Amino acid sequence: MNTASNRIAASARNWVRKRDFYAGAMMILLGSVAAFVGPTYQLGTLMNMGPGFMPMALGVVLILLGIFMAGSAAVTPEGEDEDILPNPEWRGWACILAGPVAFIVLGTVGGLIPATFGCVFVAAFGDREATLKSSFWLSVAISVFSVLVFHYLLQVPIPLMAWRGL
């Protein structure tokens, strides 16, 4: 009986060292928050969804995906995938996190075109092979696409260009 409990303890220690376990736990946590906050708003029905329907539905989906991800850590062979943070790419993380900040600041000051351009331009430098030229043209293409979709197709009430000052 002691060897069985030792095997279970060793298996549990191996399981919680896996990256997939923590990714699944994070998904379960985020899904739980969304699933519990969603019903505080009106849920509605499938044909007439209320504001709380999507957060609750997406929360349940996140919980299920999190369970699947955390469970996959149990079947990963021992010795594989044990680094929680593999090779940290600080430049990539910083650029990708700075992209939405650039969108917020430039969207407040200048409108949709500068916000989209700045967001994509900053985030593109998270790629190691990114050049100034490739980032510029990617930003132009995404800006044109966002103007077509959000301004003309969806008619989101954000001005294309506006100078509001800081």
N, C-alpha and C. Protein backbone atom coordinates (compact mmCIF):
# COMPACT_ATOMS: atom_id res chain seq x y z
N MET A 1 0.83 -1.19 0.00
CA MET A 1 0.00 0.00 0.00
C MET A 1 0.87 1.25 0.00
N ASN A 2 1.99 1.20 0.67
CA ASN A 2 2.89 2.34 0.73
C ASN A 2 3.47 2.64 -0.64
N THR A 3 3.79 1.61 -1.43
CA THR A 3 4.33 1.85 -2.77
C THR A 3 3.28 2.45 -3.69
N ALA A 4 2.03 2.06 -3.52
CA ALA A 4 0.97 2.64 -4.35
C ALA A 4 0.81 4.13 -4.04
N SER A 5 0.85 4.47 -2.78
CA SER A 5 0.72 5.89 -2.42
C SER A 5 1.95 6.68 -2.86
N ASN A 6 3.14 6.04 -2.83
CA ASN A 6 4.34 6.71 -3.33
C ASN A 6 4.26 6.96 -4.82
N ARG A 7 3.71 6.00 -5.57
CA ARG A 7 3.56 6.17 -7.02
C ARG A 7 2.56 7.28 -7.32
N ILE A 8 1.49 7.33 -6.56
CA ILE A 8 0.48 8.38 -6.77
C ILE A 8 1.08 9.75 -6.45
N ALA A 9 1.86 9.84 -5.36
CA ALA A 9 2.49 11.11 -4.99
C ALA A 9 3.51 11.52 -6.05
N ALA A 10 4.29 10.57 -6.56
CA ALA A 10 5.28 10.89 -7.60
C ALA A 10 4.58 11.32 -8.88
N SER A 11 3.48 10.67 -9.21
CA SER A 11 2.72 11.04 -10.41
C SER A 11 2.13 12.44 -10.26
N ALA A 12 1.63 12.77 -9.07
CA ALA A 12 1.06 14.10 -8.83
C ALA A 12 2.16 15.16 -8.91
N ARG A 13 3.35 14.87 -8.36
CA ARG A 13 4.45 15.83 -8.44
C ARG A 13 4.86 16.05 -9.89
N ASN A 14 4.89 14.97 -10.67
CA ASN A 14 5.24 15.07 -12.09
C ASN A 14 4.18 15.86 -12.84
N TRP A 15 2.93 15.67 -12.49
CA TRP A 15 1.81 16.31 -13.18
C TRP A 15 1.83 17.82 -12.98
N VAL A 16 2.08 18.28 -11.76
CA VAL A 16 2.03 19.71 -11.49
C VAL A 16 3.29 20.44 -11.96
N ARG A 17 4.30 19.72 -12.44
CA ARG A 17 5.47 20.37 -13.01
C ARG A 17 5.27 20.67 -14.48
N LYS A 18 4.18 20.25 -15.05
CA LYS A 18 3.94 20.41 -16.48
C LYS A 18 3.34 21.77 -16.79
N ARG A 19 3.78 22.31 -17.89
CA ARG A 19 3.26 23.60 -18.38
C ARG A 19 1.78 23.51 -18.68
N ASP A 20 1.34 22.40 -19.25
CA ASP A 20 -0.07 22.24 -19.60
C ASP A 20 -0.97 22.29 -18.38
N PHE A 21 -0.48 21.79 -17.26
CA PHE A 21 -1.28 21.83 -16.03
C PHE A 21 -1.57 23.28 -15.64
N TYR A 22 -0.55 24.13 -15.65
CA TYR A 22 -0.74 25.53 -15.26
C TYR A 22 -1.54 26.30 -16.29
N ALA A 23 -1.36 25.99 -17.56
CA ALA A 23 -2.17 26.64 -18.60
C ALA A 23 -3.64 26.27 -18.42
N GLY A 24 -3.89 24.99 -18.15
CA GLY A 24 -5.27 24.55 -17.92
C GLY A 24 -5.86 25.16 -16.67
N ALA A 25 -5.05 25.27 -15.62
CA ALA A 25 -5.54 25.88 -14.38
C ALA A 25 -5.89 27.35 -14.61
N MET A 26 -5.10 28.05 -15.41
CA MET A 26 -5.38 29.45 -15.71
C MET A 26 -6.67 29.57 -16.52
N MET A 27 -6.87 28.67 -17.47
CA MET A 27 -8.10 28.68 -18.27
C MET A 27 -9.31 28.41 -17.38
N ILE A 28 -9.18 27.46 -16.46
CA ILE A 28 -10.28 27.15 -15.55
C ILE A 28 -10.59 28.37 -14.66
N LEU A 29 -9.55 29.04 -14.18
CA LEU A 29 -9.75 30.22 -13.34
C LEU A 29 -10.46 31.33 -14.12
N LEU A 30 -9.97 31.66 -15.31
CA LEU A 30 -10.61 32.71 -16.12
C LEU A 30 -12.03 32.33 -16.51
N GLY A 31 -12.23 31.07 -16.87
CA GLY A 31 -13.57 30.60 -17.22
C GLY A 31 -14.52 30.66 -16.04
N SER A 32 -14.02 30.34 -14.85
CA SER A 32 -14.87 30.39 -13.66
C SER A 32 -15.31 31.82 -13.36
N VAL A 33 -14.39 32.76 -13.50
CA VAL A 33 -14.74 34.16 -13.27
C VAL A 33 -15.82 34.60 -14.25
N ALA A 34 -15.62 34.29 -15.54
CA ALA A 34 -16.61 34.68 -16.55
C ALA A 34 -17.94 33.97 -16.32
N ALA A 35 -17.91 32.70 -15.96
CA ALA A 35 -19.15 31.94 -15.77
C ALA A 35 -19.91 32.41 -14.54
N PHE A 36 -19.21 32.89 -13.52
CA PHE A 36 -19.90 33.37 -12.32
C PHE A 36 -20.33 34.83 -12.43
N VAL A 37 -19.63 35.63 -13.23
CA VAL A 37 -20.02 37.03 -13.40
C VAL A 37 -21.14 37.15 -14.44
N GLY A 38 -21.13 36.30 -15.46
CA GLY A 38 -22.13 36.37 -16.53
C GLY A 38 -23.57 36.36 -16.03
N PRO A 39 -23.95 35.45 -15.13
CA PRO A 39 -25.34 35.42 -14.68
C PRO A 39 -25.77 36.63 -13.84
N THR A 40 -24.84 37.48 -13.44
CA THR A 40 -25.26 38.69 -12.73
C THR A 40 -25.95 39.66 -13.68
N TYR A 41 -25.74 39.47 -14.99
CA TYR A 41 -26.47 40.22 -16.01
C TYR A 41 -27.62 39.35 -16.50
N GLN A 42 -28.51 39.92 -17.26
CA GLN A 42 -29.63 39.16 -17.80
C GLN A 42 -29.11 38.17 -18.84
N LEU A 43 -29.47 36.88 -18.72
CA LEU A 43 -28.99 35.86 -19.64
C LEU A 43 -29.77 35.83 -20.95
N GLY A 44 -31.07 35.90 -20.87
CA GLY A 44 -31.89 35.82 -22.07
C GLY A 44 -32.00 34.38 -22.56
N THR A 45 -32.30 34.21 -23.85
CA THR A 45 -32.43 32.89 -24.46
C THR A 45 -31.48 32.80 -25.65
N LEU A 46 -31.45 31.64 -26.29
CA LEU A 46 -30.61 31.49 -27.47
C LEU A 46 -31.05 32.40 -28.61
N MET A 47 -32.35 32.62 -28.73
CA MET A 47 -32.86 33.47 -29.80
C MET A 47 -32.78 34.96 -29.46
N ASN A 48 -32.78 35.28 -28.17
CA ASN A 48 -32.73 36.67 -27.73
C ASN A 48 -31.73 36.75 -26.56
N MET A 49 -30.46 36.77 -26.91
CA MET A 49 -29.41 36.71 -25.90
C MET A 49 -29.31 38.02 -25.13
N GLY A 50 -29.15 37.89 -23.83
CA GLY A 50 -28.92 39.05 -22.99
C GLY A 50 -27.43 39.31 -22.85
N PRO A 51 -27.07 40.38 -22.13
CA PRO A 51 -25.66 40.74 -22.00
C PRO A 51 -24.84 39.74 -21.20
N GLY A 52 -25.47 38.89 -20.41
CA GLY A 52 -24.73 37.91 -19.63
C GLY A 52 -24.57 36.56 -20.29
N PHE A 53 -25.22 36.37 -21.44
CA PHE A 53 -25.20 35.05 -22.08
C PHE A 53 -23.81 34.67 -22.58
N MET A 54 -23.19 35.56 -23.34
CA MET A 54 -21.87 35.24 -23.93
C MET A 54 -20.79 35.06 -22.88
N PRO A 55 -20.68 35.93 -21.86
CA PRO A 55 -19.65 35.67 -20.85
C PRO A 55 -19.84 34.33 -20.16
N MET A 56 -21.10 33.97 -19.86
CA MET A 56 -21.32 32.71 -19.19
C MET A 56 -21.01 31.53 -20.12
N ALA A 57 -21.45 31.60 -21.37
CA ALA A 57 -21.20 30.52 -22.32
C ALA A 57 -19.70 30.36 -22.58
N LEU A 58 -19.01 31.48 -22.79
CA LEU A 58 -17.57 31.41 -23.02
C LEU A 58 -16.83 30.94 -21.77
N GLY A 59 -17.32 31.31 -20.60
CA GLY A 59 -16.72 30.83 -19.35
C GLY A 59 -16.81 29.32 -19.22
N VAL A 60 -17.97 28.77 -19.56
CA VAL A 60 -18.13 27.32 -19.51
C VAL A 60 -17.21 26.64 -20.53
N VAL A 61 -17.09 27.20 -21.72
CA VAL A 61 -16.19 26.64 -22.73
C VAL A 61 -14.74 26.71 -22.24
N LEU A 62 -14.34 27.83 -21.64
CA LEU A 62 -12.98 27.95 -21.10
C LEU A 62 -12.72 26.93 -20.00
N ILE A 63 -13.71 26.70 -19.14
CA ILE A 63 -13.55 25.70 -18.09
C ILE A 63 -13.33 24.32 -18.69
N LEU A 64 -14.13 23.96 -19.69
CA LEU A 64 -13.98 22.65 -20.33
C LEU A 64 -12.63 22.51 -21.03
N LEU A 65 -12.21 23.56 -21.73
CA LEU A 65 -10.89 23.53 -22.37
C LEU A 65 -9.78 23.44 -21.34
N GLY A 66 -9.93 24.14 -20.22
CA GLY A 66 -8.94 24.10 -19.16
C GLY A 66 -8.82 22.72 -18.55
N ILE A 67 -9.94 22.06 -18.35
CA ILE A 67 -9.92 20.68 -17.83
C ILE A 67 -9.19 19.78 -18.81
N PHE A 68 -9.48 19.93 -20.09
CA PHE A 68 -8.82 19.12 -21.11
C PHE A 68 -7.31 19.39 -21.13
N MET A 69 -6.92 20.67 -21.06
CA MET A 69 -5.49 21.02 -21.08
C MET A 69 -4.77 20.51 -19.85
N ALA A 70 -5.35 20.69 -18.66
CA ALA A 70 -4.71 20.21 -17.44
C ALA A 70 -4.64 18.69 -17.43
N GLY A 71 -5.67 18.05 -17.96
CA GLY A 71 -5.66 16.59 -18.04
C GLY A 71 -4.61 16.06 -18.99
N SER A 72 -4.29 16.83 -20.01
CA SER A 72 -3.27 16.36 -20.95
C SER A 72 -1.89 16.32 -20.30
N ALA A 73 -1.70 17.06 -19.22
CA ALA A 73 -0.42 17.01 -18.50
C ALA A 73 -0.21 15.65 -17.86
N ALA A 74 -1.29 14.95 -17.53
CA ALA A 74 -1.16 13.64 -16.90
C ALA A 74 -0.65 12.58 -17.87
N VAL A 75 -0.90 12.75 -19.15
CA VAL A 75 -0.48 11.74 -20.12
C VAL A 75 0.82 12.09 -20.82
N THR A 76 1.39 13.28 -20.52
CA THR A 76 2.68 13.65 -21.09
C THR A 76 3.75 12.82 -20.39
N PRO A 77 4.64 12.18 -21.14
CA PRO A 77 5.67 11.35 -20.50
C PRO A 77 6.55 12.16 -19.56
N GLU A 78 7.04 11.49 -18.53
CA GLU A 78 7.88 12.14 -17.54
C GLU A 78 9.16 12.65 -18.19
N GLY A 79 9.57 13.82 -17.82
CA GLY A 79 10.78 14.41 -18.37
C GLY A 79 10.52 15.35 -19.52
N GLU A 80 9.32 15.33 -20.08
CA GLU A 80 8.99 16.23 -21.18
C GLU A 80 8.16 17.39 -20.67
N ASP A 81 8.35 18.54 -21.28
CA ASP A 81 7.49 19.70 -21.02
C ASP A 81 7.48 20.09 -19.55
N GLU A 82 8.62 20.09 -18.89
CA GLU A 82 8.65 20.38 -17.47
C GLU A 82 8.98 21.83 -17.14
N ASP A 83 9.42 22.59 -18.09
CA ASP A 83 9.71 23.99 -17.82
C ASP A 83 8.43 24.80 -17.95
N ILE A 84 8.07 25.48 -16.88
CA ILE A 84 6.85 26.28 -16.90
C ILE A 84 7.02 27.46 -17.84
N LEU A 85 8.11 28.16 -17.74
CA LEU A 85 8.43 29.24 -18.67
C LEU A 85 9.63 28.79 -19.48
N PRO A 86 9.40 28.31 -20.70
CA PRO A 86 10.53 27.76 -21.46
C PRO A 86 11.58 28.80 -21.76
N ASN A 87 11.76 29.28 -22.86
CA ASN A 87 12.78 30.24 -23.20
C ASN A 87 12.12 31.61 -23.26
N PRO A 88 12.24 32.42 -22.20
CA PRO A 88 11.50 33.69 -22.21
C PRO A 88 11.97 34.62 -23.32
N GLU A 89 11.03 35.09 -24.06
CA GLU A 89 11.29 36.03 -25.16
C GLU A 89 10.82 37.41 -24.68
N TRP A 90 11.66 38.08 -23.93
CA TRP A 90 11.28 39.33 -23.30
C TRP A 90 10.93 40.40 -24.33
N ARG A 91 11.66 40.46 -25.42
CA ARG A 91 11.37 41.46 -26.44
C ARG A 91 9.98 41.23 -27.03
N GLY A 92 9.67 39.98 -27.34
CA GLY A 92 8.37 39.65 -27.90
C GLY A 92 7.24 39.96 -26.94
N TRP A 93 7.42 39.56 -25.69
CA TRP A 93 6.39 39.83 -24.69
C TRP A 93 6.18 41.33 -24.52
N ALA A 94 7.25 42.07 -24.43
CA ALA A 94 7.14 43.52 -24.23
C ALA A 94 6.44 44.18 -25.41
N CYS A 95 6.81 43.79 -26.63
CA CYS A 95 6.19 44.40 -27.81
C CYS A 95 4.72 44.05 -27.92
N ILE A 96 4.38 42.81 -27.65
CA ILE A 96 2.98 42.39 -27.77
C ILE A 96 2.13 43.04 -26.69
N LEU A 97 2.68 43.20 -25.50
CA LEU A 97 1.92 43.89 -24.45
C LEU A 97 1.85 45.39 -24.68
N ALA A 98 2.86 45.96 -25.34
CA ALA A 98 2.84 47.40 -25.62
C ALA A 98 1.91 47.74 -26.78
N GLY A 99 1.57 46.77 -27.62
CA GLY A 99 0.68 47.02 -28.75
C GLY A 99 -0.68 47.56 -28.34
N PRO A 100 -1.41 46.88 -27.44
CA PRO A 100 -2.70 47.42 -27.02
C PRO A 100 -2.59 48.76 -26.30
N VAL A 101 -1.49 48.97 -25.58
CA VAL A 101 -1.29 50.28 -24.93
C VAL A 101 -1.17 51.36 -26.00
N ALA A 102 -0.42 51.06 -27.06
CA ALA A 102 -0.30 52.02 -28.17
C ALA A 102 -1.66 52.26 -28.81
N PHE A 103 -2.48 51.23 -28.95
CA PHE A 103 -3.81 51.39 -29.53
C PHE A 103 -4.66 52.32 -28.67
N ILE A 104 -4.62 52.11 -27.37
CA ILE A 104 -5.43 52.94 -26.47
C ILE A 104 -4.99 54.40 -26.53
N VAL A 105 -3.69 54.62 -26.43
CA VAL A 105 -3.18 56.00 -26.43
C VAL A 105 -3.44 56.68 -27.77
N LEU A 106 -3.06 56.00 -28.86
CA LEU A 106 -3.24 56.61 -30.18
C LEU A 106 -4.70 56.69 -30.59
N GLY A 107 -5.53 55.76 -30.13
CA GLY A 107 -6.96 55.83 -30.41
C GLY A 107 -7.61 57.00 -29.71
N THR A 108 -7.17 57.29 -28.50
CA THR A 108 -7.70 58.42 -27.75
C THR A 108 -7.26 59.74 -28.37
N VAL A 109 -6.02 59.78 -28.82
CA VAL A 109 -5.46 61.02 -29.35
C VAL A 109 -5.76 61.22 -30.83
N GLY A 110 -5.65 60.14 -31.64
CA GLY A 110 -5.67 60.33 -33.08
C GLY A 110 -6.71 59.61 -33.88
N GLY A 111 -7.45 58.67 -33.34
CA GLY A 111 -8.47 57.97 -34.10
C GLY A 111 -8.07 56.55 -34.49
N LEU A 112 -8.89 55.93 -35.34
CA LEU A 112 -8.74 54.52 -35.69
C LEU A 112 -7.48 54.24 -36.51
N ILE A 113 -7.18 55.05 -37.49
CA ILE A 113 -6.03 54.77 -38.37
C ILE A 113 -4.71 54.83 -37.60
N PRO A 114 -4.42 55.90 -36.86
CA PRO A 114 -3.16 55.90 -36.11
C PRO A 114 -3.11 54.83 -35.03
N ALA A 115 -4.26 54.55 -34.41
CA ALA A 115 -4.29 53.54 -33.34
C ALA A 115 -3.96 52.16 -33.89
N THR A 116 -4.59 51.80 -35.00
CA THR A 116 -4.34 50.49 -35.60
C THR A 116 -2.91 50.40 -36.12
N PHE A 117 -2.47 51.43 -36.81
CA PHE A 117 -1.11 51.44 -37.33
C PHE A 117 -0.10 51.29 -36.20
N GLY A 118 -0.24 52.07 -35.14
CA GLY A 118 0.71 52.03 -34.03
C GLY A 118 0.69 50.71 -33.30
N CYS A 119 -0.49 50.17 -33.09
CA CYS A 119 -0.62 48.89 -32.39
C CYS A 119 0.09 47.78 -33.16
N VAL A 120 -0.18 47.68 -34.44
CA VAL A 120 0.43 46.63 -35.26
C VAL A 120 1.93 46.86 -35.41
N PHE A 121 2.33 48.11 -35.60
CA PHE A 121 3.75 48.43 -35.79
C PHE A 121 4.56 48.04 -34.55
N VAL A 122 4.06 48.38 -33.37
CA VAL A 122 4.77 48.04 -32.13
C VAL A 122 4.77 46.53 -31.90
N ALA A 123 3.62 45.89 -32.08
CA ALA A 123 3.53 44.46 -31.83
C ALA A 123 4.35 43.65 -32.84
N ALA A 124 4.51 44.16 -34.05
CA ALA A 124 5.27 43.43 -35.08
C ALA A 124 6.73 43.27 -34.70
N PHE A 125 7.25 44.18 -33.89
CA PHE A 125 8.64 44.06 -33.47
C PHE A 125 8.86 42.95 -32.45
N GLY A 126 7.79 42.28 -32.04
CA GLY A 126 7.95 41.10 -31.17
C GLY A 126 8.55 39.94 -31.92
N ASP A 127 8.47 39.96 -33.23
CA ASP A 127 9.06 38.92 -34.07
C ASP A 127 10.54 39.21 -34.25
N ARG A 128 11.37 38.20 -34.10
CA ARG A 128 12.82 38.39 -34.22
C ARG A 128 13.24 38.85 -35.61
N GLU A 129 12.55 38.37 -36.63
CA GLU A 129 12.93 38.69 -38.00
C GLU A 129 12.27 39.97 -38.51
N ALA A 130 11.54 40.67 -37.66
CA ALA A 130 10.84 41.88 -38.09
C ALA A 130 11.83 42.97 -38.46
N THR A 131 11.54 43.60 -39.59
CA THR A 131 12.33 44.75 -40.02
C THR A 131 11.43 45.98 -40.00
N LEU A 132 12.02 47.12 -40.10
CA LEU A 132 11.26 48.36 -40.14
C LEU A 132 10.31 48.37 -41.34
N LYS A 133 10.81 47.92 -42.49
CA LYS A 133 10.02 47.90 -43.71
C LYS A 133 8.86 46.91 -43.62
N SER A 134 9.13 45.69 -43.15
CA SER A 134 8.05 44.69 -43.06
C SER A 134 7.00 45.10 -42.04
N SER A 135 7.44 45.69 -40.93
CA SER A 135 6.48 46.16 -39.91
C SER A 135 5.63 47.29 -40.45
N PHE A 136 6.24 48.19 -41.22
CA PHE A 136 5.51 49.30 -41.81
C PHE A 136 4.42 48.79 -42.75
N TRP A 137 4.78 47.90 -43.67
CA TRP A 137 3.79 47.42 -44.65
C TRP A 137 2.72 46.55 -44.02
N LEU A 138 3.07 45.79 -42.99
CA LEU A 138 2.06 45.03 -42.26
C LEU A 138 1.09 45.98 -41.58
N SER A 139 1.61 47.04 -40.99
CA SER A 139 0.76 48.03 -40.32
C SER A 139 -0.16 48.74 -41.30
N VAL A 140 0.34 49.06 -42.48
CA VAL A 140 -0.49 49.71 -43.50
C VAL A 140 -1.61 48.76 -43.93
N ALA A 141 -1.27 47.51 -44.18
CA ALA A 141 -2.28 46.54 -44.64
C ALA A 141 -3.36 46.32 -43.59
N ILE A 142 -2.96 46.16 -42.34
CA ILE A 142 -3.94 45.93 -41.27
C ILE A 142 -4.77 47.19 -41.03
N SER A 143 -4.17 48.36 -41.18
CA SER A 143 -4.92 49.62 -41.01
C SER A 143 -5.99 49.76 -42.08
N VAL A 144 -5.63 49.45 -43.33
CA VAL A 144 -6.62 49.51 -44.42
C VAL A 144 -7.74 48.52 -44.16
N PHE A 145 -7.37 47.31 -43.74
CA PHE A 145 -8.37 46.28 -43.45
C PHE A 145 -9.28 46.72 -42.31
N SER A 146 -8.71 47.31 -41.26
CA SER A 146 -9.54 47.72 -40.12
C SER A 146 -10.48 48.86 -40.49
N VAL A 147 -10.03 49.77 -41.36
CA VAL A 147 -10.91 50.85 -41.81
C VAL A 147 -12.07 50.27 -42.60
N LEU A 148 -11.78 49.35 -43.51
CA LEU A 148 -12.84 48.72 -44.30
C LEU A 148 -13.84 47.99 -43.42
N VAL A 149 -13.33 47.20 -42.48
CA VAL A 149 -14.23 46.37 -41.66
C VAL A 149 -14.94 47.21 -40.60
N PHE A 150 -14.18 47.93 -39.77
CA PHE A 150 -14.78 48.58 -38.62
C PHE A 150 -15.47 49.89 -38.94
N HIS A 151 -14.95 50.65 -39.88
CA HIS A 151 -15.57 51.94 -40.18
C HIS A 151 -16.71 51.79 -41.19
N TYR A 152 -16.43 51.12 -42.31
CA TYR A 152 -17.42 51.04 -43.38
C TYR A 152 -18.40 49.88 -43.22
N LEU A 153 -17.92 48.70 -42.88
CA LEU A 153 -18.81 47.53 -42.81
C LEU A 153 -19.60 47.52 -41.50
N LEU A 154 -18.90 47.60 -40.36
CA LEU A 154 -19.58 47.52 -39.06
C LEU A 154 -20.04 48.88 -38.54
N GLN A 155 -19.54 49.95 -39.13
CA GLN A 155 -19.89 51.32 -38.76
C GLN A 155 -19.68 51.60 -37.26
N VAL A 156 -18.51 51.19 -36.76
CA VAL A 156 -18.15 51.47 -35.37
C VAL A 156 -17.89 52.97 -35.26
N PRO A 157 -18.47 53.63 -34.26
CA PRO A 157 -18.36 55.09 -34.18
C PRO A 157 -17.01 55.56 -33.62
N ILE A 158 -15.94 55.25 -34.32
CA ILE A 158 -14.61 55.75 -33.97
C ILE A 158 -14.16 56.60 -35.15
N PRO A 159 -13.73 57.84 -34.91
CA PRO A 159 -13.27 58.66 -36.05
C PRO A 159 -12.01 58.05 -36.66
N LEU A 160 -11.90 58.20 -37.98
CA LEU A 160 -10.70 57.66 -38.67
C LEU A 160 -9.46 58.44 -38.27
N MET A 161 -9.54 59.75 -38.34
CA MET A 161 -8.42 60.62 -37.96
C MET A 161 -8.98 61.77 -37.14
N ALA A 162 -8.42 62.02 -36.00
CA ALA A 162 -8.86 63.14 -35.17
C ALA A 162 -7.70 63.51 -34.26
N TRP A 163 -7.47 64.79 -34.09
CA TRP A 163 -6.45 65.23 -33.16
C TRP A 163 -7.14 65.79 -31.94
N ARG A 164 -7.01 65.09 -30.83
CA ARG A 164 -7.67 65.51 -29.60
C ARG A 164 -6.67 66.04 -28.58
N GLY A 165 -5.40 65.91 -28.85
CA GLY A 165 -4.38 66.37 -27.90
C GLY A 165 -4.30 65.48 -26.69
N LEU A 166 -3.24 65.66 -25.95
CA LEU A 166 -3.05 64.87 -24.73
C LEU A 166 -3.57 65.67 -23.58
